[in-house]
Amino acid sequence: MTATRQEIVEAIKQMTVLEAAELVTVIENTFGITATPVPTAIINSDSSNLIEEEVQTEFSVTIHDLEGRKVPIVQVIRKINSSLGLKEAKYLIDDIEKGTPYVVKESVSAEEAHELSTKLEAVGAVVVIK
């Protein structure tokens, strides 16, 4: 006799916790598997495929506010972005003071993002790395 999935589920519902635990052990031994979850993967609910967790490799460095003097911050920003003129950098600082964040660099490595953040924070910029 072949039992349907629904019949198997109903039979398991009737078991005690001890009986269900013994059933799991028998299934593990019979098929050479383990019921231990895989901690580094998540299960996609649409399919039974395992999907590896994504690790962020690219970051954006953004100035959200200013706590120091403007001149040193302008100097550091111009060193990072050499195409930025003095006038543009000044307008940029004014915009940051008004609440408009400025993305200093996008798609940089974690090391470069940390390096840029350290330089900017040293002169009084409030930096967020995303």
N, C-alpha and C. Protein backbone atom coordinates (compact mmCIF):
# COMPACT_ATOMS: atom_id res chain seq x y z
N MET A 1 0.84 -1.19 0.00
CA MET A 1 0.00 0.00 0.00
C MET A 1 0.88 1.25 0.00
N THR A 2 0.56 2.20 -0.86
CA THR A 2 1.30 3.45 -0.95
C THR A 2 0.46 4.54 -0.29
N ALA A 3 1.05 5.23 0.68
CA ALA A 3 0.33 6.29 1.38
C ALA A 3 0.55 7.62 0.66
N THR A 4 -0.47 8.44 0.65
CA THR A 4 -0.34 9.77 0.06
C THR A 4 0.35 10.70 1.06
N ARG A 5 0.80 11.81 0.60
CA ARG A 5 1.44 12.78 1.48
C ARG A 5 0.50 13.21 2.61
N GLN A 6 -0.75 13.43 2.25
CA GLN A 6 -1.73 13.87 3.24
C GLN A 6 -1.90 12.81 4.34
N GLU A 7 -1.91 11.54 3.94
CA GLU A 7 -2.05 10.45 4.92
C GLU A 7 -0.83 10.40 5.83
N ILE A 8 0.35 10.63 5.27
CA ILE A 8 1.58 10.63 6.07
C ILE A 8 1.55 11.77 7.07
N VAL A 9 1.12 12.96 6.61
CA VAL A 9 1.04 14.12 7.49
C VAL A 9 0.05 13.85 8.62
N GLU A 10 -1.09 13.26 8.30
CA GLU A 10 -2.10 12.95 9.33
C GLU A 10 -1.55 11.94 10.33
N ALA A 11 -0.78 10.97 9.86
CA ALA A 11 -0.19 9.98 10.76
C ALA A 11 0.81 10.64 11.70
N ILE A 12 1.61 11.58 11.16
CA ILE A 12 2.59 12.29 11.99
C ILE A 12 1.89 13.17 13.03
N LYS A 13 0.76 13.76 12.66
CA LYS A 13 0.00 14.60 13.61
C LYS A 13 -0.46 13.79 14.81
N GLN A 14 -0.70 12.50 14.61
CA GLN A 14 -1.19 11.65 15.69
C GLN A 14 -0.07 11.17 16.62
N MET A 15 1.20 11.37 16.23
CA MET A 15 2.35 10.90 17.01
C MET A 15 2.63 11.81 18.20
N THR A 16 3.26 11.24 19.20
CA THR A 16 3.77 12.04 20.31
C THR A 16 5.08 12.67 19.85
N VAL A 17 5.59 13.61 20.62
CA VAL A 17 6.85 14.26 20.28
C VAL A 17 7.98 13.24 20.25
N LEU A 18 7.99 12.31 21.19
CA LEU A 18 9.03 11.29 21.24
C LEU A 18 8.97 10.40 20.00
N GLU A 19 7.77 10.01 19.59
CA GLU A 19 7.62 9.18 18.39
C GLU A 19 8.07 9.93 17.14
N ALA A 20 7.75 11.21 17.05
CA ALA A 20 8.16 12.02 15.89
C ALA A 20 9.68 12.17 15.85
N ALA A 21 10.30 12.35 17.01
CA ALA A 21 11.76 12.46 17.07
C ALA A 21 12.42 11.15 16.63
N GLU A 22 11.84 10.02 17.05
CA GLU A 22 12.36 8.71 16.62
C GLU A 22 12.19 8.54 15.11
N LEU A 23 11.08 9.01 14.56
CA LEU A 23 10.85 8.94 13.12
C LEU A 23 11.91 9.74 12.36
N VAL A 24 12.23 10.91 12.86
CA VAL A 24 13.26 11.74 12.23
C VAL A 24 14.59 10.98 12.22
N THR A 25 14.94 10.37 13.33
CA THR A 25 16.19 9.60 13.42
C THR A 25 16.20 8.45 12.42
N VAL A 26 15.08 7.72 12.31
CA VAL A 26 14.99 6.61 11.37
C VAL A 26 15.14 7.12 9.93
N ILE A 27 14.50 8.23 9.60
CA ILE A 27 14.60 8.80 8.24
C ILE A 27 16.03 9.24 7.96
N GLU A 28 16.67 9.89 8.92
CA GLU A 28 18.07 10.32 8.74
C GLU A 28 18.98 9.12 8.48
N ASN A 29 18.82 8.06 9.27
CA ASN A 29 19.67 6.87 9.12
C ASN A 29 19.38 6.12 7.83
N THR A 30 18.12 6.05 7.45
CA THR A 30 17.73 5.31 6.25
C THR A 30 18.26 5.98 4.99
N PHE A 31 18.14 7.31 4.92
CA PHE A 31 18.50 8.02 3.69
C PHE A 31 19.88 8.70 3.76
N GLY A 32 20.56 8.61 4.92
CA GLY A 32 21.88 9.21 5.05
C GLY A 32 21.85 10.74 4.99
N ILE A 33 20.83 11.33 5.57
CA ILE A 33 20.69 12.79 5.56
C ILE A 33 20.64 13.29 6.99
N THR A 34 20.64 14.60 7.14
CA THR A 34 20.50 15.21 8.45
C THR A 34 19.42 16.27 8.40
N ALA A 35 18.73 16.45 9.52
CA ALA A 35 17.66 17.44 9.59
C ALA A 35 18.17 18.78 10.11
N THR A 36 19.49 18.94 10.21
CA THR A 36 20.09 20.17 10.68
C THR A 36 19.98 21.24 9.60
N PRO A 37 19.48 22.44 9.92
CA PRO A 37 19.37 23.49 8.90
C PRO A 37 20.74 24.00 8.49
N VAL A 38 20.82 24.51 7.27
CA VAL A 38 22.06 25.09 6.75
C VAL A 38 22.09 26.56 7.16
N PRO A 39 23.03 26.98 8.03
CA PRO A 39 23.00 28.35 8.54
C PRO A 39 23.44 29.42 7.56
N THR A 40 24.21 29.09 6.53
CA THR A 40 24.71 30.11 5.62
C THR A 40 23.87 30.30 4.38
N ALA A 41 22.74 29.66 4.33
CA ALA A 41 21.88 29.79 3.15
C ALA A 41 20.45 30.03 3.58
N ILE A 42 19.69 30.61 2.68
CA ILE A 42 18.27 30.81 2.94
C ILE A 42 17.49 30.06 1.88
N ILE A 43 16.29 29.66 2.23
CA ILE A 43 15.48 28.92 1.28
C ILE A 43 14.55 29.88 0.57
N ASN A 44 14.54 29.83 -0.73
CA ASN A 44 13.66 30.63 -1.55
C ASN A 44 12.27 30.00 -1.50
N SER A 45 11.26 30.72 -1.08
CA SER A 45 9.93 30.16 -0.92
C SER A 45 9.26 29.80 -2.24
N ASP A 46 9.68 30.43 -3.34
CA ASP A 46 9.08 30.13 -4.64
C ASP A 46 9.56 28.79 -5.19
N SER A 47 10.77 28.41 -4.85
CA SER A 47 11.30 27.12 -5.29
C SER A 47 12.09 26.52 -4.14
N SER A 48 12.45 25.30 -4.27
CA SER A 48 13.18 24.64 -3.19
C SER A 48 14.69 24.80 -3.33
N ASN A 49 15.12 25.75 -4.12
CA ASN A 49 16.55 25.97 -4.32
C ASN A 49 17.14 26.73 -3.13
N LEU A 50 18.39 26.43 -2.84
CA LEU A 50 19.11 27.17 -1.81
C LEU A 50 19.83 28.33 -2.48
N ILE A 51 19.75 29.49 -1.86
CA ILE A 51 20.37 30.69 -2.41
C ILE A 51 21.37 31.20 -1.38
N GLU A 52 22.60 31.40 -1.79
CA GLU A 52 23.63 31.93 -0.90
C GLU A 52 23.29 33.38 -0.53
N GLU A 53 23.63 33.76 0.70
CA GLU A 53 23.42 35.13 1.13
C GLU A 53 24.35 36.04 0.35
N GLU A 54 23.86 37.21 -0.02
CA GLU A 54 24.68 38.17 -0.76
C GLU A 54 25.55 38.95 0.22
N VAL A 55 26.79 39.12 -0.16
CA VAL A 55 27.73 39.90 0.64
C VAL A 55 28.00 41.19 -0.12
N GLN A 56 27.82 42.32 0.56
CA GLN A 56 28.03 43.60 -0.09
C GLN A 56 29.52 43.83 -0.32
N THR A 57 29.88 44.14 -1.57
CA THR A 57 31.28 44.37 -1.91
C THR A 57 31.54 45.79 -2.39
N GLU A 58 30.48 46.52 -2.73
CA GLU A 58 30.64 47.90 -3.19
C GLU A 58 29.87 48.83 -2.26
N PHE A 59 30.49 49.96 -1.96
CA PHE A 59 29.91 50.90 -1.00
C PHE A 59 29.90 52.30 -1.59
N SER A 60 29.02 53.14 -1.04
CA SER A 60 28.96 54.56 -1.40
C SER A 60 29.31 55.37 -0.15
N VAL A 61 30.12 56.40 -0.34
CA VAL A 61 30.51 57.28 0.76
C VAL A 61 29.78 58.60 0.56
N THR A 62 28.98 58.98 1.56
CA THR A 62 28.12 60.17 1.46
C THR A 62 28.35 61.09 2.65
N ILE A 63 28.46 62.39 2.37
CA ILE A 63 28.53 63.39 3.44
C ILE A 63 27.11 63.85 3.72
N HIS A 64 26.69 63.74 4.99
CA HIS A 64 25.34 64.14 5.37
C HIS A 64 25.28 65.45 6.13
N ASP A 65 26.39 65.83 6.76
CA ASP A 65 26.37 67.05 7.56
C ASP A 65 27.82 67.50 7.78
N LEU A 66 27.96 68.73 8.27
CA LEU A 66 29.27 69.29 8.53
C LEU A 66 29.35 69.70 9.99
N GLU A 67 30.44 69.31 10.65
CA GLU A 67 30.64 69.71 12.04
C GLU A 67 31.90 70.57 12.20
N GLY A 68 32.68 70.67 11.15
CA GLY A 68 33.92 71.41 11.23
C GLY A 68 33.90 72.63 10.33
N ARG A 69 35.07 73.24 10.18
CA ARG A 69 35.21 74.40 9.29
C ARG A 69 35.08 73.96 7.84
N LYS A 70 34.61 74.85 7.00
CA LYS A 70 34.35 74.54 5.59
C LYS A 70 35.62 74.33 4.78
N VAL A 71 36.63 75.17 5.00
CA VAL A 71 37.83 75.16 4.14
C VAL A 71 38.53 73.79 4.15
N PRO A 72 38.81 73.19 5.30
CA PRO A 72 39.47 71.88 5.27
C PRO A 72 38.61 70.81 4.59
N ILE A 73 37.31 70.89 4.77
CA ILE A 73 36.41 69.91 4.14
C ILE A 73 36.45 70.08 2.62
N VAL A 74 36.43 71.33 2.16
CA VAL A 74 36.52 71.60 0.71
C VAL A 74 37.83 71.04 0.16
N GLN A 75 38.92 71.23 0.89
CA GLN A 75 40.22 70.75 0.43
C GLN A 75 40.23 69.23 0.29
N VAL A 76 39.68 68.53 1.24
CA VAL A 76 39.66 67.06 1.18
C VAL A 76 38.76 66.59 0.05
N ILE A 77 37.59 67.21 -0.09
CA ILE A 77 36.67 66.83 -1.18
C ILE A 77 37.34 67.04 -2.53
N ARG A 78 38.06 68.13 -2.70
CA ARG A 78 38.73 68.41 -3.99
C ARG A 78 39.89 67.45 -4.24
N LYS A 79 40.53 66.95 -3.17
CA LYS A 79 41.58 65.95 -3.36
C LYS A 79 40.97 64.62 -3.82
N ILE A 80 39.81 64.29 -3.27
CA ILE A 80 39.13 63.04 -3.64
C ILE A 80 38.57 63.14 -5.04
N ASN A 81 37.92 64.28 -5.35
CA ASN A 81 37.30 64.48 -6.66
C ASN A 81 38.02 65.63 -7.35
N SER A 82 39.10 65.31 -8.05
CA SER A 82 39.95 66.34 -8.64
C SER A 82 39.27 67.14 -9.76
N SER A 83 38.18 66.64 -10.29
CA SER A 83 37.48 67.37 -11.37
C SER A 83 36.59 68.49 -10.80
N LEU A 84 36.46 68.56 -9.50
CA LEU A 84 35.62 69.55 -8.85
C LEU A 84 36.40 70.85 -8.65
N GLY A 85 35.86 71.93 -9.17
CA GLY A 85 36.50 73.23 -9.01
C GLY A 85 36.21 73.82 -7.64
N LEU A 86 36.91 74.90 -7.32
CA LEU A 86 36.74 75.54 -6.02
C LEU A 86 35.32 76.08 -5.85
N LYS A 87 34.80 76.70 -6.90
CA LYS A 87 33.45 77.28 -6.84
C LYS A 87 32.40 76.17 -6.65
N GLU A 88 32.54 75.08 -7.42
CA GLU A 88 31.60 73.96 -7.30
C GLU A 88 31.65 73.34 -5.90
N ALA A 89 32.87 73.22 -5.36
CA ALA A 89 33.04 72.65 -4.03
C ALA A 89 32.38 73.53 -2.97
N LYS A 90 32.49 74.84 -3.14
CA LYS A 90 31.86 75.76 -2.18
C LYS A 90 30.34 75.63 -2.23
N TYR A 91 29.78 75.57 -3.46
CA TYR A 91 28.33 75.38 -3.60
C TYR A 91 27.89 74.04 -3.01
N LEU A 92 28.72 73.06 -3.20
CA LEU A 92 28.42 71.74 -2.66
C LEU A 92 28.35 71.78 -1.13
N ILE A 93 29.29 72.45 -0.51
CA ILE A 93 29.31 72.60 0.95
C ILE A 93 28.06 73.34 1.42
N ASP A 94 27.68 74.39 0.69
CA ASP A 94 26.46 75.13 1.04
C ASP A 94 25.24 74.22 0.97
N ASP A 95 25.18 73.36 -0.06
CA ASP A 95 24.06 72.43 -0.20
C ASP A 95 24.02 71.42 0.95
N ILE A 96 25.20 70.94 1.35
CA ILE A 96 25.26 69.99 2.48
C ILE A 96 24.74 70.66 3.75
N GLU A 97 25.12 71.92 3.95
CA GLU A 97 24.64 72.65 5.14
C GLU A 97 23.13 72.83 5.12
N LYS A 98 22.54 72.88 3.91
CA LYS A 98 21.09 73.02 3.80
C LYS A 98 20.37 71.68 3.93
N GLY A 99 21.14 70.58 4.05
CA GLY A 99 20.53 69.27 4.26
C GLY A 99 20.56 68.33 3.08
N THR A 100 21.22 68.73 1.99
CA THR A 100 21.32 67.86 0.82
C THR A 100 22.59 67.02 0.94
N PRO A 101 22.47 65.70 1.07
CA PRO A 101 23.68 64.87 1.16
C PRO A 101 24.45 64.86 -0.15
N TYR A 102 25.76 64.65 -0.04
CA TYR A 102 26.63 64.60 -1.23
C TYR A 102 27.33 63.26 -1.28
N VAL A 103 27.16 62.55 -2.39
CA VAL A 103 27.84 61.27 -2.58
C VAL A 103 29.25 61.57 -3.07
N VAL A 104 30.22 61.30 -2.22
CA VAL A 104 31.61 61.58 -2.55
C VAL A 104 32.11 60.59 -3.59
N LYS A 105 31.88 59.30 -3.35
CA LYS A 105 32.27 58.25 -4.29
C LYS A 105 31.29 57.09 -4.17
N GLU A 106 31.03 56.46 -5.33
CA GLU A 106 30.14 55.30 -5.37
C GLU A 106 30.93 54.08 -5.83
N SER A 107 30.40 52.92 -5.51
CA SER A 107 30.97 51.64 -5.96
C SER A 107 32.45 51.49 -5.62
N VAL A 108 32.78 51.76 -4.36
CA VAL A 108 34.16 51.59 -3.91
C VAL A 108 34.23 50.39 -2.97
N SER A 109 35.43 49.86 -2.79
CA SER A 109 35.63 48.72 -1.89
C SER A 109 35.45 49.17 -0.44
N ALA A 110 35.33 48.20 0.45
CA ALA A 110 35.17 48.51 1.87
C ALA A 110 36.38 49.26 2.40
N GLU A 111 37.57 48.86 1.96
CA GLU A 111 38.80 49.51 2.43
C GLU A 111 38.85 50.96 1.99
N GLU A 112 38.54 51.20 0.71
CA GLU A 112 38.57 52.57 0.20
C GLU A 112 37.49 53.43 0.87
N ALA A 113 36.32 52.85 1.09
CA ALA A 113 35.24 53.59 1.76
C ALA A 113 35.66 53.98 3.17
N HIS A 114 36.30 53.07 3.87
CA HIS A 114 36.77 53.37 5.23
C HIS A 114 37.84 54.45 5.21
N GLU A 115 38.75 54.36 4.24
CA GLU A 115 39.82 55.35 4.11
C GLU A 115 39.24 56.75 3.84
N LEU A 116 38.31 56.84 2.90
CA LEU A 116 37.68 58.13 2.58
C LEU A 116 36.91 58.67 3.79
N SER A 117 36.19 57.80 4.45
CA SER A 117 35.42 58.21 5.62
C SER A 117 36.33 58.77 6.70
N THR A 118 37.46 58.12 6.94
CA THR A 118 38.41 58.58 7.96
C THR A 118 38.95 59.96 7.62
N LYS A 119 39.31 60.17 6.35
CA LYS A 119 39.83 61.47 5.92
C LYS A 119 38.79 62.58 6.10
N LEU A 120 37.56 62.30 5.70
CA LEU A 120 36.50 63.31 5.78
C LEU A 120 36.09 63.59 7.22
N GLU A 121 36.00 62.56 8.04
CA GLU A 121 35.62 62.76 9.44
C GLU A 121 36.69 63.51 10.21
N ALA A 122 37.95 63.34 9.80
CA ALA A 122 39.06 64.03 10.47
C ALA A 122 38.95 65.55 10.33
N VAL A 123 38.31 66.02 9.25
CA VAL A 123 38.17 67.47 9.06
C VAL A 123 36.77 67.97 9.42
N GLY A 124 35.92 67.10 9.95
CA GLY A 124 34.63 67.54 10.46
C GLY A 124 33.41 67.21 9.64
N ALA A 125 33.52 66.33 8.67
CA ALA A 125 32.35 65.93 7.89
C ALA A 125 31.67 64.74 8.58
N VAL A 126 30.33 64.72 8.52
CA VAL A 126 29.57 63.59 9.04
C VAL A 126 29.31 62.68 7.83
N VAL A 127 29.93 61.50 7.88
CA VAL A 127 29.94 60.59 6.73
C VAL A 127 29.12 59.35 7.01
N VAL A 128 28.39 58.88 5.97
CA VAL A 128 27.65 57.64 6.06
C VAL A 128 28.13 56.75 4.91
N ILE A 129 28.44 55.49 5.25
CA ILE A 129 28.84 54.51 4.24
C ILE A 129 27.69 53.55 4.05
N LYS A 130 27.25 53.42 2.80
CA LYS A 130 26.14 52.49 2.51
C LYS A 130 26.61 51.48 1.50
